[in-house]
PDB file of N, CA and C in Angstrom:
ATOM      1  N   MET A   1      10.526  27.313   7.603  1.00  0.00           N
ATOM      2  CA  MET A   1       9.221  27.459   6.998  1.00  0.00           C
ATOM      3  C   MET A   1       8.263  26.377   7.517  1.00  0.00           C
ATOM      4  N   LEU A   2       8.712  25.110   7.514  1.00  0.00           N
ATOM      5  CA  LEU A   2       7.854  24.025   7.999  1.00  0.00           C
ATOM      6  C   LEU A   2       7.511  24.216   9.469  1.00  0.00           C
ATOM      7  N   TYR A   3       8.506  24.650  10.247  1.00  0.00           N
ATOM      8  CA  TYR A   3       8.279  24.864  11.672  1.00  0.00           C
ATOM      9  C   TYR A   3       7.226  25.953  11.879  1.00  0.00           C
ATOM     10  N   ALA A   4       7.327  27.038  11.149  1.00  0.00           N
ATOM     11  CA  ALA A   4       6.361  28.128  11.270  1.00  0.00           C
ATOM     12  C   ALA A   4       4.960  27.655  10.886  1.00  0.00           C
ATOM     13  N   GLU A   5       4.869  26.851   9.838  1.00  0.00           N
ATOM     14  CA  GLU A   5       3.571  26.305   9.438  1.00  0.00           C
ATOM     15  C   GLU A   5       3.023  25.370  10.516  1.00  0.00           C
ATOM     16  N   ALA A   6       3.897  24.585  11.119  1.00  0.00           N
ATOM     17  CA  ALA A   6       3.473  23.682  12.194  1.00  0.00           C
ATOM     18  C   ALA A   6       2.973  24.470  13.402  1.00  0.00           C
ATOM     19  N   GLU A   7       3.681  25.525  13.748  1.00  0.00           N
ATOM     20  CA  GLU A   7       3.275  26.355  14.883  1.00  0.00           C
ATOM     21  C   GLU A   7       1.912  27.002  14.634  1.00  0.00           C
ATOM     22  N   GLU A   8       1.693  27.470  13.423  1.00  0.00           N
ATOM     23  CA  GLU A   8       0.394  28.061  13.079  1.00  0.00           C
ATOM     24  C   GLU A   8      -0.716  27.015  13.171  1.00  0.00           C
ATOM     25  N   ALA A   9      -0.451  25.827  12.670  1.00  0.00           N
ATOM     26  CA  ALA A   9      -1.444  24.749  12.743  1.00  0.00           C
ATOM     27  C   ALA A   9      -1.728  24.384  14.195  1.00  0.00           C
ATOM     28  N   ALA A  10      -0.700  24.337  15.018  1.00  0.00           N
ATOM     29  CA  ALA A  10      -0.888  24.017  16.441  1.00  0.00           C
ATOM     30  C   ALA A  10      -1.715  25.100  17.134  1.00  0.00           C
ATOM     31  N   LYS A  11      -1.439  26.355  16.823  1.00  0.00           N
ATOM     32  CA  LYS A  11      -2.227  27.453  17.404  1.00  0.00           C
ATOM     33  C   LYS A  11      -3.695  27.347  17.019  1.00  0.00           C
ATOM     34  N   ALA A  12      -3.945  26.866  15.806  1.00  0.00           N
ATOM     35  CA  ALA A  12      -5.318  26.695  15.317  1.00  0.00           C
ATOM     36  C   ALA A  12      -5.910  25.351  15.751  1.00  0.00           C
ATOM     37  N   GLU A  13      -5.122  24.591  16.509  1.00  0.00           N
ATOM     38  CA  GLU A  13      -5.518  23.259  16.982  1.00  0.00           C
ATOM     39  C   GLU A  13      -5.818  22.299  15.831  1.00  0.00           C
ATOM     40  N   ASP A  14      -5.115  22.505  14.728  1.00  0.00           N
ATOM     41  CA  ASP A  14      -5.152  21.576  13.597  1.00  0.00           C
ATOM     42  C   ASP A  14      -3.992  20.613  13.819  1.00  0.00           C
ATOM     43  N   TRP A  15      -4.197  19.671  14.734  1.00  0.00           N
ATOM     44  CA  TRP A  15      -3.112  18.819  15.206  1.00  0.00           C
ATOM     45  C   TRP A  15      -2.580  17.867  14.144  1.00  0.00           C
ATOM     46  N   LEU A  16      -3.413  17.423  13.247  1.00  0.00           N
ATOM     47  CA  LEU A  16      -2.935  16.539  12.190  1.00  0.00           C
ATOM     48  C   LEU A  16      -1.940  17.278  11.298  1.00  0.00           C
ATOM     49  N   GLN A  17      -2.286  18.478  10.909  1.00  0.00           N
ATOM     50  CA  GLN A  17      -1.382  19.296  10.084  1.00  0.00           C
ATOM     51  C   GLN A  17      -0.120  19.642  10.876  1.00  0.00           C
ATOM     52  N   ALA A  18      -0.287  19.990  12.148  1.00  0.00           N
ATOM     53  CA  ALA A  18       0.871  20.314  12.985  1.00  0.00           C
ATOM     54  C   ALA A  18       1.813  19.120  13.083  1.00  0.00           C
ATOM     55  N   LYS A  19       1.256  17.936  13.330  1.00  0.00           N
ATOM     56  CA  LYS A  19       2.079  16.728  13.443  1.00  0.00           C
ATOM     57  C   LYS A  19       2.855  16.486  12.152  1.00  0.00           C
ATOM     58  N   THR A  20       2.186  16.612  11.032  1.00  0.00           N
ATOM     59  CA  THR A  20       2.823  16.390   9.737  1.00  0.00           C
ATOM     60  C   THR A  20       3.964  17.374   9.511  1.00  0.00           C
ATOM     61  N   LYS A  21       3.712  18.648   9.768  1.00  0.00           N
ATOM     62  CA  LYS A  21       4.726  19.678   9.521  1.00  0.00           C
ATOM     63  C   LYS A  21       5.887  19.563  10.506  1.00  0.00           C
ATOM     64  N   TYR A  22       5.591  19.314  11.794  1.00  0.00           N
ATOM     65  CA  TYR A  22       6.675  19.131  12.764  1.00  0.00           C
ATOM     66  C   TYR A  22       7.547  17.950  12.374  1.00  0.00           C
ATOM     67  N   GLU A  23       6.912  16.861  11.944  1.00  0.00           N
ATOM     68  CA  GLU A  23       7.670  15.673  11.577  1.00  0.00           C
ATOM     69  C   GLU A  23       8.530  15.932  10.340  1.00  0.00           C
ATOM     70  N   GLU A  24       7.990  16.633   9.364  1.00  0.00           N
ATOM     71  CA  GLU A  24       8.782  16.974   8.181  1.00  0.00           C
ATOM     72  C   GLU A  24       9.994  17.814   8.582  1.00  0.00           C
ATOM     73  N   ALA A  25       9.773  18.780   9.461  1.00  0.00           N
ATOM     74  CA  ALA A  25      10.874  19.628   9.924  1.00  0.00           C
ATOM     75  C   ALA A  25      11.894  18.799  10.700  1.00  0.00           C
ATOM     76  N   TYR A  26      11.418  17.873  11.532  1.00  0.00           N
ATOM     77  CA  TYR A  26      12.320  17.016  12.307  1.00  0.00           C
ATOM     78  C   TYR A  26      13.220  16.204  11.383  1.00  0.00           C
ATOM     79  N   HIS A  27      12.674  15.657  10.325  1.00  0.00           N
ATOM     80  CA  HIS A  27      13.474  14.831   9.424  1.00  0.00           C
ATOM     81  C   HIS A  27      14.507  15.655   8.660  1.00  0.00           C
ATOM     82  N   LEU A  28      14.268  16.944   8.511  1.00  0.00           N
ATOM     83  CA  LEU A  28      15.258  17.819   7.884  1.00  0.00           C
ATOM     84  C   LEU A  28      16.372  18.192   8.858  1.00  0.00           C
ATOM     85  N   VAL A  29      16.010  18.287  10.150  1.00  0.00           N
ATOM     86  CA  VAL A  29      16.970  18.690  11.178  1.00  0.00           C
ATOM     87  C   VAL A  29      16.804  17.781  12.390  1.00  0.00           C
ATOM     88  N   PRO A  30      17.216  16.523  12.293  1.00  0.00           N
ATOM     89  CA  PRO A  30      16.942  15.564  13.362  1.00  0.00           C
ATOM     90  C   PRO A  30      17.658  15.845  14.681  1.00  0.00           C
ATOM     91  N   ASN A  31      18.676  16.697  14.690  1.00  0.00           N
ATOM     92  CA  ASN A  31      19.353  17.006  15.939  1.00  0.00           C
ATOM     93  C   ASN A  31      18.645  18.104  16.735  1.00  0.00           C
ATOM     94  N   LYS A  32      17.531  18.601  16.247  1.00  0.00           N
ATOM     95  CA  LYS A  32      16.714  19.572  16.983  1.00  0.00           C
ATOM     96  C   LYS A  32      15.726  18.800  17.833  1.00  0.00           C
ATOM     97  N   HIS A  33      16.134  18.476  19.043  1.00  0.00           N
ATOM     98  CA  HIS A  33      15.364  17.591  19.896  1.00  0.00           C
ATOM     99  C   HIS A  33      14.000  18.167  20.277  1.00  0.00           C
ATOM    100  N   GLY A  34      13.895  19.476  20.319  1.00  0.00           N
ATOM    101  CA  GLY A  34      12.615  20.105  20.617  1.00  0.00           C
ATOM    102  C   GLY A  34      11.553  19.759  19.589  1.00  0.00           C
ATOM    103  N   LEU A  35      11.962  19.511  18.367  1.00  0.00           N
ATOM    104  CA  LEU A  35      11.004  19.099  17.331  1.00  0.00           C
ATOM    105  C   LEU A  35      10.441  17.720  17.633  1.00  0.00           C
ATOM    106  N   ALA A  36      11.265  16.831  18.173  1.00  0.00           N
ATOM    107  CA  ALA A  36      10.769  15.503  18.543  1.00  0.00           C
ATOM    108  C   ALA A  36       9.668  15.641  19.588  1.00  0.00           C
ATOM    109  N   TYR A  37       9.867  16.540  20.545  1.00  0.00           N
ATOM    110  CA  TYR A  37       8.867  16.787  21.584  1.00  0.00           C
ATOM    111  C   TYR A  37       7.577  17.319  20.970  1.00  0.00           C
ATOM    112  N   LYS A  38       7.696  18.221  20.022  1.00  0.00           N
ATOM    113  CA  LYS A  38       6.513  18.800  19.388  1.00  0.00           C
ATOM    114  C   LYS A  38       5.776  17.769  18.537  1.00  0.00           C
ATOM    115  N   VAL A  39       6.519  16.919  17.819  1.00  0.00           N
ATOM    116  CA  VAL A  39       5.880  15.843  17.049  1.00  0.00           C
ATOM    117  C   VAL A  39       5.104  14.948  18.002  1.00  0.00           C
ATOM    118  N   ALA A  40       5.738  14.558  19.100  1.00  0.00           N
ATOM    119  CA  ALA A  40       5.102  13.666  20.063  1.00  0.00           C
ATOM    120  C   ALA A  40       3.825  14.271  20.637  1.00  0.00           C
ATOM    121  N   ASN A  41       3.868  15.537  21.024  1.00  0.00           N
ATOM    122  CA  ASN A  41       2.675  16.181  21.582  1.00  0.00           C
ATOM    123  C   ASN A  41       1.548  16.268  20.561  1.00  0.00           C
ATOM    124  N   ALA A  42       1.883  16.610  19.330  1.00  0.00           N
ATOM    125  CA  ALA A  42       0.861  16.668  18.277  1.00  0.00           C
ATOM    126  C   ALA A  42       0.303  15.269  18.017  1.00  0.00           C
ATOM    127  N   ALA A  43       1.158  14.269  18.062  1.00  0.00           N
ATOM    128  CA  ALA A  43       0.706  12.890  17.856  1.00  0.00           C
ATOM    129  C   ALA A  43      -0.271  12.470  18.952  1.00  0.00           C
ATOM    130  N   VAL A  44      -0.010  12.882  20.176  1.00  0.00           N
ATOM    131  CA  VAL A  44      -0.949  12.603  21.276  1.00  0.00           C
ATOM    132  C   VAL A  44      -2.304  13.218  20.963  1.00  0.00           C
ATOM    133  N   GLU A  45      -2.291  14.438  20.482  1.00  0.00           N
ATOM    134  CA  GLU A  45      -3.533  15.160  20.192  1.00  0.00           C
ATOM    135  C   GLU A  45      -4.381  14.467  19.131  1.00  0.00           C
ATOM    136  N   VAL A  46      -3.736  13.800  18.174  1.00  0.00           N
ATOM    137  CA  VAL A  46      -4.502  13.125  17.118  1.00  0.00           C
ATOM    138  C   VAL A  46      -4.696  11.639  17.400  1.00  0.00           C
ATOM    139  N   GLY A  47      -4.220  11.183  18.549  1.00  0.00           N
ATOM    140  CA  GLY A  47      -4.417   9.795  18.921  1.00  0.00           C
ATOM    141  C   GLY A  47      -3.458   8.819  18.259  1.00  0.00           C
ATOM    142  N   ASP A  48      -2.334   9.310  17.776  1.00  0.00           N
ATOM    143  CA  ASP A  48      -1.326   8.460  17.154  1.00  0.00           C
ATOM    144  C   ASP A  48      -0.330   8.039  18.236  1.00  0.00           C
ATOM    145  N   CYS A  49      -0.745   7.082  19.022  1.00  0.00           N
ATOM    146  CA  CYS A  49       0.007   6.654  20.193  1.00  0.00           C
ATOM    147  C   CYS A  49       1.400   6.155  19.844  1.00  0.00           C
ATOM    148  N   GLU A  50       1.515   5.363  18.815  1.00  0.00           N
ATOM    149  CA  GLU A  50       2.816   4.795  18.455  1.00  0.00           C
ATOM    150  C   GLU A  50       3.795   5.887  18.054  1.00  0.00           C
ATOM    151  N   LYS A  51       3.344   6.843  17.251  1.00  0.00           N
ATOM    152  CA  LYS A  51       4.231   7.943  16.847  1.00  0.00           C
ATOM    153  C   LYS A  51       4.609   8.779  18.065  1.00  0.00           C
ATOM    154  N   ALA A  52       3.657   9.018  18.956  1.00  0.00           N
ATOM    155  CA  ALA A  52       3.954   9.772  20.173  1.00  0.00           C
ATOM    156  C   ALA A  52       5.016   9.047  20.993  1.00  0.00           C
ATOM    157  N   ARG A  53       4.866   7.733  21.139  1.00  0.00           N
ATOM    158  CA  ARG A  53       5.822   6.945  21.913  1.00  0.00           C
ATOM    159  C   ARG A  53       7.224   7.057  21.310  1.00  0.00           C
ATOM    160  N   VAL A  54       7.323   6.880  20.009  1.00  0.00           N
ATOM    161  CA  VAL A  54       8.616   6.924  19.327  1.00  0.00           C
ATOM    162  C   VAL A  54       9.281   8.287  19.488  1.00  0.00           C
ATOM    163  N   PHE A  55       8.518   9.354  19.292  1.00  0.00           N
ATOM    164  CA  PHE A  55       9.125  10.682  19.347  1.00  0.00           C
ATOM    165  C   PHE A  55       9.397  11.147  20.776  1.00  0.00           C
ATOM    166  N   PHE A  56       8.581  10.730  21.745  1.00  0.00           N
ATOM    167  CA  PHE A  56       8.941  11.008  23.135  1.00  0.00           C
ATOM    168  C   PHE A  56      10.243  10.291  23.479  1.00  0.00           C
ATOM    169  N   GLU A  57      10.407   9.065  22.996  1.00  0.00           N
ATOM    170  CA  GLU A  57      11.643   8.330  23.254  1.00  0.00           C
ATOM    171  C   GLU A  57      12.836   9.021  22.610  1.00  0.00           C
ATOM    172  N   HIS A  58      12.683   9.518  21.373  1.00  0.00           N
ATOM    173  CA  HIS A  58      13.763  10.287  20.741  1.00  0.00           C
ATOM    174  C   HIS A  58      14.136  11.480  21.624  1.00  0.00           C
ATOM    175  N   TYR A  59      13.125  12.169  22.072  1.00  0.00           N
ATOM    176  CA  TYR A  59      13.385  13.361  22.877  1.00  0.00           C
ATOM    177  C   TYR A  59      14.054  13.000  24.198  1.00  0.00           C
ATOM    178  N   LEU A  60      13.555  11.970  24.856  1.00  0.00           N
ATOM    179  CA  LEU A  60      14.105  11.585  26.151  1.00  0.00           C
ATOM    180  C   LEU A  60      15.542  11.076  26.030  1.00  0.00           C
ATOM    181  N   ILE A  61      15.840  10.383  24.969  1.00  0.00           N
ATOM    182  CA  ILE A  61      17.189   9.846  24.783  1.00  0.00           C
ATOM    183  C   ILE A  61      18.169  10.947  24.406  1.00  0.00           C
ATOM    184  N   ASP A  62      17.741  11.853  23.538  1.00  0.00           N
ATOM    185  CA  ASP A  62      18.663  12.839  22.971  1.00  0.00           C
ATOM    186  C   ASP A  62      18.589  14.225  23.590  1.00  0.00           C
ATOM    187  N   GLY A  63      17.557  14.494  24.387  1.00  0.00           N
ATOM    188  CA  GLY A  63      17.391  15.829  24.967  1.00  0.00           C
ATOM    189  C   GLY A  63      18.480  16.157  25.976  1.00  0.00           C
ATOM    190  N   GLU A  64      18.700  17.423  26.170  1.00  0.00           N
ATOM    191  CA  GLU A  64      19.731  17.894  27.099  1.00  0.00           C
ATOM    192  C   GLU A  64      19.088  18.244  28.433  1.00  0.00           C
ATOM    193  N   LEU A  65      19.328  17.415  29.435  1.00  0.00           N
ATOM    194  CA  LEU A  65      18.700  17.591  30.739  1.00  0.00           C
ATOM    195  C   LEU A  65      18.982  18.963  31.326  1.00  0.00           C
ATOM    196  N   GLU A  66      20.206  19.429  31.224  1.00  0.00           N
ATOM    197  CA  GLU A  66      20.575  20.712  31.832  1.00  0.00           C
ATOM    198  C   GLU A  66      19.789  21.881  31.239  1.00  0.00           C
ATOM    199  N   ARG A  67      19.514  21.812  29.956  1.00  0.00           N
ATOM    200  CA  ARG A  67      18.846  22.916  29.274  1.00  0.00           C
ATOM    201  C   ARG A  67      17.328  22.812  29.328  1.00  0.00           C
ATOM    202  N   HIS A  68      16.801  21.596  29.407  1.00  0.00           N
ATOM    203  CA  HIS A  68      15.365  21.418  29.262  1.00  0.00           C
ATOM    204  C   HIS A  68      14.791  20.472  30.318  1.00  0.00           C
ATOM    205  N   GLU A  69      15.224  20.629  31.551  1.00  0.00           N
ATOM    206  CA  GLU A  69      14.837  19.687  32.594  1.00  0.00           C
ATOM    207  C   GLU A  69      13.322  19.559  32.748  1.00  0.00           C
ATOM    208  N   ALA A  70      12.614  20.676  32.817  1.00  0.00           N
ATOM    209  CA  ALA A  70      11.156  20.629  33.006  1.00  0.00           C
ATOM    210  C   ALA A  70      10.477  19.942  31.827  1.00  0.00           C
ATOM    211  N   GLN A  71      10.910  20.251  30.623  1.00  0.00           N
ATOM    212  CA  GLN A  71      10.300  19.650  29.437  1.00  0.00           C
ATOM    213  C   GLN A  71      10.605  18.154  29.366  1.00  0.00           C
ATOM    214  N   LEU A  72      11.805  17.757  29.765  1.00  0.00           N
ATOM    215  CA  LEU A  72      12.135  16.338  29.781  1.00  0.00           C
ATOM    216  C   LEU A  72      11.272  15.583  30.780  1.00  0.00           C
ATOM    217  N   HIS A  73      11.059  16.176  31.941  1.00  0.00           N
ATOM    218  CA  HIS A  73      10.189  15.539  32.937  1.00  0.00           C
ATOM    219  C   HIS A  73       8.757  15.439  32.419  1.00  0.00           C
ATOM    220  N   SER A  74       8.299  16.473  31.735  1.00  0.00           N
ATOM    221  CA  SER A  74       6.965  16.454  31.135  1.00  0.00           C
ATOM    222  C   SER A  74       6.869  15.353  30.082  1.00  0.00           C
ATOM    223  N   ALA A  75       7.885  15.235  29.232  1.00  0.00           N
ATOM    224  CA  ALA A  75       7.891  14.204  28.201  1.00  0.00           C
ATOM    225  C   ALA A  75       7.892  12.815  28.825  1.00  0.00           C
ATOM    226  N   LEU A  76       8.662  12.635  29.883  1.00  0.00           N
ATOM    227  CA  LEU A  76       8.706  11.337  30.548  1.00  0.00           C
ATOM    228  C   LEU A  76       7.339  10.982  31.137  1.00  0.00           C
ATOM    229  N   ALA A  77       6.703  11.956  31.762  1.00  0.00           N
ATOM    230  CA  ALA A  77       5.376  11.714  32.335  1.00  0.00           C
ATOM    231  C   ALA A  77       4.370  11.374  31.245  1.00  0.00           C
ATOM    232  N   LYS A  78       4.399  12.099  30.141  1.00  0.00           N
ATOM    233  CA  LYS A  78       3.477  11.833  29.037  1.00  0.00           C
ATOM    234  C   LYS A  78       3.765  10.472  28.418  1.00  0.00           C
ATOM    235  N   HIS A  79       5.041  10.132  28.281  1.00  0.00           N
ATOM    236  CA  HIS A  79       5.418   8.835  27.715  1.00  0.00           C
ATOM    237  C   HIS A  79       4.899   7.715  28.595  1.00  0.00           C
ATOM    238  N   ARG A  80       5.046   7.847  29.899  1.00  0.00           N
ATOM    239  CA  ARG A  80       4.585   6.825  30.831  1.00  0.00           C
ATOM    240  C   ARG A  80       3.060   6.698  30.809  1.00  0.00           C
ATOM    241  N   ALA A  81       2.362   7.808  30.519  1.00  0.00           N
ATOM    242  CA  ALA A  81       0.894   7.802  30.535  1.00  0.00           C
ATOM    243  C   ALA A  81       0.287   7.222  29.265  1.00  0.00           C
ATOM    244  N   LEU A  82       1.080   7.075  28.202  1.00  0.00           N
ATOM    245  CA  LEU A  82       0.559   6.542  26.943  1.00  0.00           C
ATOM    246  C   LEU A  82       0.041   5.128  27.135  1.00  0.00           C
ATOM    247  N   GLU A  83      -1.077   4.860  26.552  1.00  0.00           N
ATOM    248  CA  GLU A  83      -1.651   3.527  26.602  1.00  0.00           C
ATOM    249  C   GLU A  83      -1.853   3.030  25.179  1.00  0.00           C
ATOM    250  N   CYS A  84      -0.757   2.639  24.545  1.00  0.00           N
ATOM    251  CA  CYS A  84      -0.818   2.131  23.177  1.00  0.00           C
ATOM    252  C   CYS A  84      -1.368   0.716  23.189  1.00  0.00           C
ATOM    253  N   THR A  85      -2.211   0.423  22.216  1.00  0.00           N
ATOM    254  CA  THR A  85      -2.767  -0.932  22.128  1.00  0.00           C
ATOM    255  C   THR A  85      -1.975  -1.762  21.154  1.00  0.00           C
TER     256      THR A  85
END
């Protein structure tokens, strides 16, 4: 339910709501690494650099390279591009 609400918010570009819902879903199912990626991307959209950094790191550490190679490379590039103050 939370994931579906997050996806709807993301489609509507309501990134704050999407970030909140993705994060709530992640905390319920922390082994779903794709949720960490979605939290991080939504955090980038709302300018929450620290949260984006943390969740990209979760994804990069725990993600499965064989299954999600392109997404892992994307996450790494986005993580490297973050300029947290």
